[in-house]
Protein backbone atom coordinates (compact mmCIF):
# COMPACT_ATOMS: atom_id res chain seq x y z
CA MET A 1 -31.00 13.00 14.03
CA ALA A 2 -30.95 9.73 12.06
CA MET A 3 -33.28 9.44 9.09
CA THR A 4 -36.18 6.94 9.17
CA LYS A 5 -37.20 7.38 5.53
CA PRO A 6 -36.22 4.28 3.49
CA ILE A 7 -33.08 4.80 1.41
CA SER A 8 -32.10 2.63 -1.55
CA LEU A 9 -28.65 1.81 -2.90
CA ASP A 10 -29.65 3.61 -6.11
CA ALA A 11 -30.38 6.75 -4.10
CA LEU A 12 -27.04 6.51 -2.30
CA ARG A 13 -25.28 6.15 -5.65
CA ARG A 14 -26.94 9.22 -7.13
CA HIS A 15 -26.25 11.19 -3.97
CA ALA A 16 -22.59 10.16 -3.87
CA VAL A 17 -22.08 11.50 -7.39
CA ALA A 18 -24.27 14.61 -7.33
CA ARG A 19 -23.10 16.05 -4.01
CA THR A 20 -19.45 16.37 -5.10
CA LEU A 21 -19.90 17.29 -8.77
CA PHE A 22 -20.99 20.80 -7.94
CA LYS A 23 -21.18 23.56 -10.52
CA PRO A 24 -17.60 24.54 -11.49
CA THR A 25 -16.37 27.55 -9.53
CA THR A 26 -13.10 29.31 -8.70
CA LEU A 27 -10.05 27.33 -7.60
CA ALA A 28 -10.14 28.72 -4.05
CA ARG A 29 -13.85 28.01 -3.65
CA ALA A 30 -13.54 24.51 -5.06
CA ILE A 31 -10.80 23.58 -2.57
CA ASP A 32 -12.79 25.15 0.25
CA ARG A 33 -15.89 23.20 -0.74
CA LEU A 34 -14.02 19.92 -1.14
CA GLY A 35 -12.19 20.51 2.14
CA PHE A 36 -9.19 18.52 0.99
CA VAL A 37 -7.64 17.52 -2.34
CA GLN A 38 -5.38 14.48 -2.29
CA ALA A 39 -2.05 14.88 -4.09
CA ASP A 40 -0.07 12.34 -6.08
CA PRO A 41 3.09 13.03 -8.12
CA ILE A 42 2.38 10.61 -10.99
CA ARG A 43 1.40 12.27 -14.27
CA ALA A 44 -0.62 9.83 -16.32
CA PRO A 45 -1.71 12.01 -18.01
CA ALA A 46 -1.70 14.59 -15.15
CA ARG A 47 -1.32 14.69 -11.39
CA ALA A 48 -4.25 13.45 -9.32
CA GLN A 49 -4.94 16.86 -7.78
CA ASP A 50 -5.27 18.41 -11.24
CA LEU A 51 -7.48 15.58 -12.49
CA THR A 52 -9.74 16.09 -9.47
CA LEU A 53 -9.97 19.87 -9.78
CA ARG A 54 -10.64 19.99 -13.53
CA HIS A 55 -14.22 18.79 -12.96
CA ARG A 56 -14.88 21.45 -10.33
CA VAL A 57 -12.99 24.59 -11.39
CA ARG A 58 -13.94 26.73 -14.36
CA ASP A 59 -11.44 26.61 -17.25
CA TYR A 60 -8.94 24.64 -15.17
CA ARG A 61 -5.68 23.60 -16.81
CA ALA A 62 -3.14 21.03 -15.65
CA GLY A 63 -0.69 22.67 -13.25
CA ASP A 64 -2.93 25.61 -12.30
CA LEU A 65 -2.86 24.66 -8.62
CA GLU A 66 0.94 24.66 -8.49
CA ARG A 67 1.16 27.90 -10.47
CA ARG A 68 -1.36 29.72 -8.29
CA TYR A 69 -0.67 28.06 -4.94
CA ALA A 70 1.42 30.89 -3.45
CA ARG A 71 -1.46 33.34 -3.98
CA LEU A 72 -4.12 31.14 -2.41
CA ALA A 73 -5.09 30.64 1.24
CA VAL A 74 -4.25 26.97 0.74
CA GLU A 75 -1.63 24.73 2.33
CA GLU A 76 0.10 21.48 1.55
CA ASP A 77 -0.21 19.22 4.57
CA PHE A 78 -1.32 15.81 5.79
CA LEU A 79 -4.97 15.11 6.61
CA VAL A 80 -6.01 11.52 5.83
CA ASN A 81 -3.14 11.51 3.35
CA TYR A 82 -0.98 14.21 1.76
CA GLY A 83 -2.64 16.98 -0.22
CA PHE A 84 -4.03 20.51 -0.26
CA LEU A 85 -6.46 22.03 2.21
CA PRO A 86 -7.76 25.46 3.25
CA ARG A 87 -5.26 27.26 5.47
CA GLU A 88 -7.78 27.65 8.26
CA THR A 89 -7.92 23.86 8.66
CA LEU A 90 -4.31 23.80 9.89
CA ALA A 91 -5.50 25.03 13.27
CA LEU A 92 -7.23 21.67 13.73
CA LEU A 93 -4.05 19.74 12.94
CA HIS A 94 -1.32 21.73 14.73
CA PRO A 95 0.45 21.64 17.06
CA ARG A 96 0.83 18.10 15.69
CA ILE A 97 2.46 15.59 18.00
CA ALA A 98 4.14 13.01 15.79
CA ARG A 99 3.87 9.38 16.80
CA ARG A 100 7.55 8.85 16.05
CA THR A 101 9.76 10.74 18.47
CA TRP A 102 13.00 12.14 17.09
CA ASP A 103 16.23 11.23 18.84
CA ALA A 104 18.44 13.96 20.30
CA ALA A 105 20.69 14.13 17.24
CA THR A 106 17.76 14.62 14.87
CA ARG A 107 16.29 17.31 17.12
CA ARG A 108 19.60 19.16 17.07
CA ARG A 109 19.80 18.98 13.27
CA ALA A 110 16.19 20.17 12.93
CA GLY A 111 16.88 23.07 15.30
CA ALA A 112 19.92 24.13 13.29
CA VAL A 113 18.01 23.92 10.00
CA LEU A 114 15.08 25.89 11.44
CA ALA A 115 17.44 28.62 12.63
CA PHE A 116 18.99 28.70 9.15
CA VAL A 117 15.58 29.03 7.47
CA ARG A 118 14.48 31.78 9.86
CA GLU A 119 17.68 33.70 9.12
CA HIS A 120 17.79 33.20 5.35
CA GLY A 121 14.09 33.10 4.46
CA PRO A 122 12.49 30.69 1.96
CA VAL A 123 14.83 27.84 1.03
CA HIS A 124 15.09 25.18 -1.62
CA PRO A 125 16.36 21.82 -0.28
CA ARG A 126 19.59 22.19 -2.23
CA GLU A 127 20.31 25.46 -0.37
CA VAL A 128 19.95 23.65 2.94
CA GLN A 129 22.08 20.81 1.59
CA ALA A 130 24.81 23.30 0.72
CA ALA A 131 24.87 24.48 4.32
CA PHE A 132 24.33 21.14 6.08
CA ASP A 133 25.74 17.81 5.04
CA HIS A 134 23.76 15.19 6.94
CA GLY A 135 24.56 12.27 4.64
CA ARG A 136 21.90 10.01 3.22
CA THR A 137 19.02 8.05 4.70
CA ARG A 138 16.62 5.32 3.66
CA ASN A 139 13.20 6.58 2.56
CA ALA A 140 9.84 4.93 3.08
CA TRP A 141 10.05 2.99 -0.19
CA GLY A 142 13.44 1.47 0.54
CA GLY A 143 15.52 3.67 -1.76
CA GLU A 144 18.02 6.33 -0.88
CA SER A 145 17.05 9.96 -0.54
CA ASN A 146 18.87 13.04 0.57
CA ALA A 147 18.84 13.24 4.35
CA VAL A 148 18.16 16.98 4.24
CA THR A 149 15.04 16.40 2.13
CA HIS A 150 13.95 13.74 4.61
CA LEU A 151 14.55 16.09 7.54
CA LEU A 152 12.68 18.98 5.88
CA ASP A 153 9.74 16.68 5.26
CA GLY A 154 9.69 15.75 8.95
CA MET A 155 9.92 19.38 10.01
CA HIS A 156 7.01 20.23 7.72
CA TYR A 157 4.93 17.42 9.21
CA ARG A 158 5.72 18.61 12.74
CA GLY A 159 4.59 22.15 11.91
CA GLN A 160 7.98 23.88 11.91
CA LEU A 161 7.91 24.63 8.18
CA ARG A 162 5.32 25.24 5.49
CA VAL A 163 5.47 24.87 1.74
CA LEU A 164 5.69 28.36 0.28
CA ARG A 165 5.66 27.19 -3.35
CA ARG A 166 7.16 24.60 -5.66
CA ASP A 167 9.98 25.15 -8.12
CA ALA A 168 9.79 22.56 -10.92
CA GLY A 169 7.83 20.37 -8.54
CA VAL A 170 10.29 20.69 -5.62
CA ARG A 171 9.00 22.16 -2.37
CA VAL A 172 10.38 25.52 -1.27
CA TYR A 173 9.97 25.92 2.49
CA GLU A 174 9.67 28.79 4.94
CA ALA A 175 9.45 28.85 8.71
CA VAL A 176 5.96 29.04 10.18
CA ASP A 177 4.25 29.66 13.50
CA HIS A 178 0.78 28.14 13.45
CA VAL A 179 -2.13 30.11 14.86
CA ALA A 180 -3.42 28.63 18.11
CA ASP A 181 -6.94 27.21 18.13
CA GLU A 182 -8.71 27.55 21.46
CA ARG A 183 -11.27 24.82 20.78
CA SER A 184 -11.16 21.76 22.98
CA PRO A 185 -9.63 18.53 21.62
CA ALA A 186 -13.13 17.05 21.41
CA ASP A 187 -14.39 19.98 19.33
CA LYS A 188 -11.36 19.79 17.03
CA ALA A 189 -11.90 16.07 16.54
CA GLU A 190 -15.54 16.60 15.64
CA ALA A 191 -14.65 19.36 13.16
CA LEU A 192 -12.11 17.07 11.48
CA LEU A 193 -14.44 14.11 11.31
CA ARG A 194 -17.24 16.22 9.86
CA LEU A 195 -14.79 17.62 7.30
CA VAL A 196 -13.86 14.17 5.98
CA VAL A 197 -17.45 12.92 6.11
CA GLN A 198 -18.49 15.99 4.13
CA LYS A 199 -15.89 15.07 1.51
CA TYR A 200 -16.49 11.33 1.23
CA ALA A 201 -20.13 10.75 2.29
CA PRO A 202 -22.30 8.79 2.10
CA LEU A 203 -20.05 6.25 3.79
CA PRO A 204 -20.45 2.68 5.06
CA SER A 205 -19.75 2.54 8.78
CA ARG A 206 -16.63 0.45 8.19
CA SER A 207 -15.24 3.12 5.86
CA LEU A 208 -15.83 5.76 8.51
CA GLY A 209 -13.66 3.71 10.85
CA HIS A 210 -10.95 3.59 8.17
CA LEU A 211 -11.09 7.38 7.83
CA VAL A 212 -10.66 7.80 11.57
CA SER A 213 -7.56 5.61 11.49
CA LEU A 214 -6.16 7.74 8.63
CA LEU A 215 -6.89 10.92 10.57
CA GLY A 216 -4.41 9.52 13.03
CA GLY A 217 -1.77 10.56 10.50
CA GLY A 218 -3.06 14.11 10.25
CA ALA A 219 -3.85 14.63 13.93
CA PRO A 220 -2.32 11.82 16.00
CA GLN A 221 -2.74 13.88 19.16
CA LEU A 222 -6.53 13.73 18.70
CA MET A 223 -6.88 9.96 18.30
CA PRO A 224 -8.50 9.33 21.73
CA GLU A 225 -11.18 11.92 20.96
CA LEU A 226 -11.62 10.66 17.39
CA LYS A 227 -12.16 7.09 18.56
CA ARG A 228 -14.76 8.18 21.09
CA LEU A 229 -16.49 10.29 18.46
CA LEU A 230 -16.50 7.40 15.98
CA ALA A 231 -18.66 5.35 18.32
CA THR A 232 -21.09 8.26 18.69
CA ALA A 233 -21.19 8.97 14.95
CA ARG A 234 -21.96 5.36 14.11
CA LYS A 235 -24.95 5.41 16.44
CA SER A 236 -26.40 8.90 16.18
CA TRP A 237 -25.17 10.78 13.09
CA PRO A 238 -27.59 10.93 10.16
CA GLY A 239 -27.68 7.69 8.21
CA ALA A 240 -29.63 4.59 7.30
CA GLU A 241 -29.27 0.84 7.03
CA VAL A 242 -29.25 -0.31 3.41
CA ASP A 243 -28.98 -3.97 2.48
CA GLY A 244 -27.80 -4.80 5.98
CA LEU A 245 -25.08 -2.13 6.15
CA ARG A 246 -25.10 1.13 8.09
CA TRP A 247 -24.40 4.23 5.93
CA ILE A 248 -23.55 7.63 7.43
CA TRP A 249 -23.57 11.25 6.23
CA ASN A 250 -23.57 14.75 7.69
CA ASP A 251 -26.46 16.85 8.97
CA GLY A 252 -28.70 18.51 6.41
CA GLU A 253 -28.31 15.90 3.65
CA ASP A 254 -31.06 13.83 2.09
CA PRO A 255 -29.81 11.05 -0.19
CA SER A 256 -33.37 10.30 -1.25
CA SER A 257 -33.87 13.77 -2.73
CA CYS A 258 -35.09 13.84 -6.32
CA ARG A 259 -32.73 16.77 -6.95
CA HIS A 260 -29.88 14.29 -7.41
CA ALA A 261 -30.40 13.91 -11.15
CA PRO A 262 -27.96 11.75 -13.16
CA ASP A 263 -25.01 13.61 -14.72
CA PRO A 264 -25.30 13.36 -18.54
CA GLN A 265 -21.56 13.80 -19.08
CA VAL A 266 -18.86 11.19 -19.32
CA ARG A 267 -16.11 11.99 -16.83
CA LEU A 268 -12.70 10.39 -16.43
CA LEU A 269 -11.92 10.62 -12.72
CA ALA A 270 -8.68 10.69 -10.79
CA PRO A 271 -8.00 7.47 -8.87
CA PHE A 272 -8.41 9.53 -5.66
CA ASP A 273 -11.47 11.55 -6.69
CA PRO A 274 -13.97 11.63 -3.79
CA ILE A 275 -16.49 9.75 -5.94
CA VAL A 276 -14.24 6.67 -6.16
CA TRP A 277 -11.76 7.12 -3.28
CA ASP A 278 -13.32 4.60 -0.90
CA ARG A 279 -12.80 1.20 -2.54
CA LEU A 280 -15.34 -0.55 -0.28
CA ARG A 281 -18.01 1.99 -1.15
CA PHE A 282 -17.05 1.76 -4.82
CA GLU A 283 -17.72 -1.97 -4.94
CA LEU A 284 -20.98 -1.62 -3.01
CA LEU A 285 -22.28 1.14 -5.29
CA TRP A 286 -21.03 -0.09 -8.67
CA GLY A 287 -20.68 -3.81 -8.25
CA TRP A 288 -17.09 -4.31 -9.39
CA PRO A 289 -13.69 -3.80 -7.69
CA TYR A 290 -11.50 -0.87 -8.64
CA ARG A 291 -7.89 -0.78 -7.48
CA PHE A 292 -5.05 1.71 -7.96
CA GLU A 293 -2.37 -0.38 -9.64
CA ALA A 294 0.51 2.02 -10.32
CA TYR A 295 2.62 0.25 -7.68
CA VAL A 296 1.46 -3.25 -8.64
CA PRO A 297 3.95 -5.28 -10.76
CA ALA A 298 2.92 -4.96 -14.41
CA PRO A 299 2.10 -8.68 -14.91
CA LYS A 300 -0.38 -8.54 -12.03
CA ARG A 301 -2.30 -5.45 -13.16
CA LEU A 302 -5.92 -5.99 -14.13
CA ARG A 303 -6.81 -2.54 -15.45
CA GLY A 304 -3.52 -0.74 -16.07
CA TYR A 305 -0.86 1.48 -14.54
CA TYR A 306 -3.07 4.53 -13.94
CA ALA A 307 -6.62 3.54 -14.77
CA LEU A 308 -9.02 6.50 -14.55
CA PRO A 309 -12.54 5.43 -13.53
CA LEU A 310 -15.07 6.24 -16.26
CA LEU A 311 -18.30 7.79 -14.96
CA TRP A 312 -21.41 8.09 -17.12
CA HIS A 313 -24.63 9.40 -15.55
CA GLU A 314 -24.36 7.99 -12.01
CA GLN A 315 -22.66 4.76 -13.07
CA VAL A 316 -18.93 4.03 -13.11
CA ILE A 317 -18.95 1.69 -16.09
CA GLY A 318 -15.25 1.28 -16.86
CA TRP A 319 -11.84 2.88 -16.93
CA ALA A 320 -9.28 4.48 -19.22
CA ASN A 321 -5.49 4.55 -19.32
CA VAL A 322 -4.61 7.76 -21.12
CA GLY A 323 -1.27 8.52 -22.74
CA VAL A 324 -0.08 11.32 -25.00
CA GLN A 325 1.83 10.70 -28.23
CA HIS A 326 2.81 13.32 -30.78
CA GLY A 327 0.66 15.88 -28.98
CA ARG A 328 -2.51 13.82 -29.09
CA LEU A 329 -4.39 11.76 -26.53
CA GLN A 330 -4.02 8.00 -26.75
CA PRO A 331 -6.84 6.55 -24.60
CA CYS A 332 -7.12 2.83 -23.92
CA LEU A 333 -10.57 2.03 -22.58
CA GLY A 334 -11.98 -0.92 -20.68
CA TYR A 335 -15.49 -1.69 -19.47
CA ALA A 336 -16.72 -3.54 -16.40
CA GLY A 337 -19.47 -5.14 -18.48
CA GLY A 338 -17.03 -6.25 -21.14
CA ARG A 339 -17.98 -3.74 -23.82
CA ALA A 340 -18.91 -0.08 -24.24
CA PRO A 341 -22.51 1.13 -24.26
CA ARG A 342 -23.78 1.10 -27.84
CA SER A 343 -25.75 4.33 -27.69
CA ALA A 344 -24.84 7.35 -29.78
CA ALA A 345 -25.35 9.47 -26.65
CA PHE A 346 -22.50 7.67 -24.89
CA ARG A 347 -20.14 7.91 -27.86
CA SER A 348 -20.83 11.63 -28.16
CA ALA A 349 -20.37 12.20 -24.41
CA LEU A 350 -17.10 10.25 -24.46
CA ASP A 351 -15.79 12.32 -27.37
CA ASP A 352 -16.72 15.48 -25.48
CA GLU A 353 -14.83 14.31 -22.39
CA LEU A 354 -11.72 13.42 -24.39
CA GLY A 355 -11.90 16.88 -25.95
CA ARG A 356 -12.12 18.50 -22.50
CA LEU A 357 -9.18 16.39 -21.33
CA SER A 358 -7.10 17.50 -24.33
CA THR A 359 -7.85 21.16 -23.61
CA PHE A 360 -7.01 20.66 -19.92
CA LEU A 361 -3.65 19.18 -20.93
CA GLY A 362 -2.96 21.99 -23.42
CA LEU A 363 -2.91 19.67 -26.43
CA GLY A 364 -3.79 20.60 -29.99
CA ALA A 365 -7.10 19.71 -31.55
């Protein structure tokens, strides 16, 4: 049922921050509550998944997810992009029907590799390479990559393999048979859409449409149902019109609640943290554009290679590029308003956050 109580942009901002910065918990519970954690291989100063989890997991250290992954009911897979999600969610995504159909030769190679993995057990790509020489292929960024790695990636996406663990960052695969889910396609589509809305709400209607298009990567076979559901969600899911734009969230939420108190800490967020992930919402809520510029040519960057949004209370007031030299953090800070807040409270909170970041990275005092 849609809300009729007036909602302000200030209330949406507080709600967007408070609902995802829950009290730190265990790693498994944090991933379950988030529903999905986007992954990125760049370390500047740590991978995006680690930077996201450190705010939500007690005593989290960089690399904990990779070290503990094999013992968790968590999977690497594709949802709206690549990342980590609760194992039970895979039943909504598989059997996945890829948009790109393999030719007969690729199907034969995949079948031979799958038979090899089933016979030999968990495999590192170099073990498959030793048994199969399929040459080289062009990867999505235009460079060359090992064709076996490319094939394994495609087999993982199509649900033939799963990531058992990583060795020095490299995926080790095993064969998998996904558990069948007896829900109808429409019910699966609704579960997926509610999962991503739960993660990224409150959302402008246009952003919800963008999420549905991205879900076409995670569950292309459900796109007809997702498109139909999008029209329904825009009209009848809980939400409100604010400054001429329709905003949407899940059942049981009240963005106007006075429980959404400002967070007194300074937090440096991953570029893909749910608070800042949606760039349209970011600009609407905080009044300035944030962009991820790691793949932008250096002369064209406005905020830096891996600028971490800087959150204070419920305001994202700037960013930081953080390096490490001689075992110590080297932060370079910028502010949307041109300069840092002058208050002693901000300076103290910033020092505390840099201290937490150092501990997370395992650096000395």
